[in-house]
Amino acid sequence: MTDQLLSVDGVSKSFPGVKALKDVHVDLYPGEVHAVVGENGAGKSTLMKIVAGIYQPDAGTIRLDGEPVEVPGPLAAQHLGISIIHQELMLMPHLTVAENIYIGREKRRGPFIDDKDLNRRARKLFDRLGISLDPRTKVSTLVVAEQQVAEIAKALSFNARVLIMDEPTAALTESETEALFGMIRDLKEQGTGILYISHRMEELRGISDRITVLRDGEYIGTVQTAETDLRQVISMMVGREIKGETRPDVEAVERPAALKVTGLSTRHLLDDVSFELKQGEILGFAGLMGAGRTEVARAICGADPSTAGEIEVHGRPATIRTPADAARLGIGYLSEDRKRYGLMLDLDVNLNILISSLTDYTNVVGMVRDEAGREASRKYVGSMKIKTPSIRQRAKNLSGGNQQKIVIAKWLAKDCDILIFDEPTRGIDVGAKEEIYALLESLAQQGKAIMMISSELPEVLRMSHRIVVMSEGRVTGILDNAEADQETIMDYATRAKVHGGIEV
């Protein structure tokens, strides 16, 4: 193989309270597609942002053509020939394709931009890349695949030798993905090196030359794609053991359904999602980023509109158009972003707990019965062991774990018997996690039906009676806990759409 184009050696990066990367290594050769894979939170995007100059490493060395280089910012990276295409496209919809590609680098005639020169340069670039876009087209009129092509053209307009692609096919159809792969193969022939992040295992077999695996911010290993079984890559990705933890029994799955979802679809992602949630059951939802887990929760609760599907609550058809409709039916939703959607941080514990059930504590003339409400708040603070000096303490002054308990208390005060937890332990410490686990188990034992979305596979396996696995907006598997393990879940979570049905 030829000399290395790019080498990242011993890179580490920490954020407050989080070790994002620790002594990570990756290299890239001209004309190579080198995939970087790992579970959510493994450090893939952080690593790519360091290479692209968006973040600065705490330790480690970056070499280009064997020589150490400093990458103090994105502009410096571009000057070095390193460009990144983010998963969330960064184009400006009101401008043309050519204007997006060369913004800030336009030729001017007096105070005016020379549009003819702009379009000529764009056409020349497109001819080199084999792109058929009209540079005069407004980006707002392009489909997602065409926007992705425009992003690639913009990145390569800086004469990029290293192209970083973060989940480039996440929003593309099968045919659009094939077109993108054709362009990537052309770039390889021209000597461009590509660092490629993707959660789709089968996709990597078709496009990558080597695969590097990160886990929990650490380098696990690099393998040749052609010589490696993808199950081995999945095993490298998950590679953790569940120590000293028991799994729940399956008794709950024989109970009546509290919630039944049939054929749920939305305009942009969900496609024919169906499942049942039993009384007293914890039903885990697993999948990679963008799989549609949160979208299912939001559609059930009326936060996002659905285009098809039926919902039954305790055996009766339910019409849920707004979160208020869901709450009236006894469905409580705890968002993964508790600070944005679950709490009013500047208000006290008392009001945060009572906010969804204030009507239960008002008299006939609409006045709040303060003492009755405070008594209820104290009861939940005590039963849930919320650590606070008093119920008058502002929510923003409590720890993350205690804030999470307040959100749970809010829906318990509303007497919801169907609870949807989206990433219930995100951002809280190990001790607080154990308390949340114990609380969820206690709620299930009381007969509450719990839908739990989590990106942590050990958490899903520890807590769930059954596990729904999603990929690309579809249910790809529903597993009993006894038959589930991390590799099996990851296998289902990386399956692409199947024409004519799904695999379950």
Foldseek 3Di string as FASTA:
>chain_A
DDQWQKKWFQFWADDVVATQAGGAIDTWFFLFEEEEEFFVSLNPVVVLCCLQQNDPTPDTFMDGSRHTDHRNHNVSSLLVQEFEQEPPGDADQQAFLLCRLQPVNFDDDVVHGPVVVSQVLLVVLCVLLVHDDRRRHGNNPDDLLVSLVSSVSSSCVSVHQEYEYAASCLQPDPVSVVVVLVSSNVSSVVGRIYYYYDLFLVVCLVRGQKYWYGESNYTQDMDGSVVDDSLVVLCSRQVDDQPPFDADAQVQVVADFQKWKFQWAADRFAGGATDTFGWLFEEEEEFGPSQCPVVVVCCVQQVGPTPDIWMDGRRHTADHNHNLSCLVSQEAECDPCCPVPQADQQFFLLCSQCVSPQVVQADPVGHGNVVVSLVLSVVLCVVLVQDDPGRRHGNNPGDPLSSLSSSVSNSVVSVRQEYEAEASCPPHDPVSVVSVLVVVNVSSVVGRTYYYYHSRQSVCLRRGQWYFYGERNYTQDIGGSVPDDSSVNSVSNNDDDDPPDHHD
